[in-house]
């Protein structure tokens, strides 16, 4: 009798295990059955935040569930990326990240405080590509690196940046080293806030996205000095602004914004999210929106995102 009871329990346990496995598979097939939250670890009103909120409006159409755009600030994005590790694979929470957190922060002063690595996440898609621009107080009449270098002699220049260990901070430090000048970084929780500081006169310089500097440049408050790319830009706002690469410097890269899931997330979930955002990015209204934001559609795959992280890390190590 006891043997029969034990055998029955074993069979029931096996059935339960199979049922649980089937339930997991069913859940993944129907993922998402709840709203999906996409966390932007930078300031409200910044490029990443604006793109996040715009893309989220298509959630029901492409995923069958709402996409909820939210923000969590601190340490240039590192607080949110650390807190995100509390999520389990296949979570309904996703997060933004990029080279600032994964290529720069681990390779500069303060790296021992970083509690995450790129390997803790599953990269799904790159949301956009953007070129950073250095702007200066228009009253200084600095419009290129030669004028910047001449002005900076014997001075310590205050530059507003997004975080002390992010993309903009590294680019500022590397440029200062190349020019042989001294900078003091003033940190804000978003490139838009850094740009606002320069526009208000709190600092004489700022590094931001082009779209963030647009209004101040058009109003004659700030002048573009240089863009952090191999070649320059020439558009209605930033006219014939040279790239640092044209001066012979190598510390430049385009800013990317990855959508990330927790490590171990099933490929079915990753594919669903990637395909949903590919559909969003292909919409004509999104193409027009990106053009107005002066950013590019650049839906890199995992291999390309991995390469970007390693390439920027190599640039950081070579320019310290």
Foldseek 3Di string as FASTA:
>chain_A
DVVVVVVVVVVVVVVVVVVVVVVVVVPLVLPPPEEAEEEEAFDCPAPVQVLQVVLQVCCCVQNVYGYHYYYHYDQLRQVVVVVQLVDDAPDSYKYKDWLLLAQFCCQDPPNVVRDDHPLQWDFQWWAWWFWKFKKFFLVLVAAEVVSVLVVQVPHEFEEEEAHCGGLFNLLVVLVCVVSVGHYDYDHDRHQLVRLVCCLVVVGGMYMGTCLSCQVCQVVSRIHTYEIQDLAGDDDPRNHRHGHVNVVVDDQGDIIIMTIIGGPPHDPSSSVSVNVSSVVSCPDPVNCVVCVSSRIGGDTDGPVVRVVNNVVNNVSSVVRD
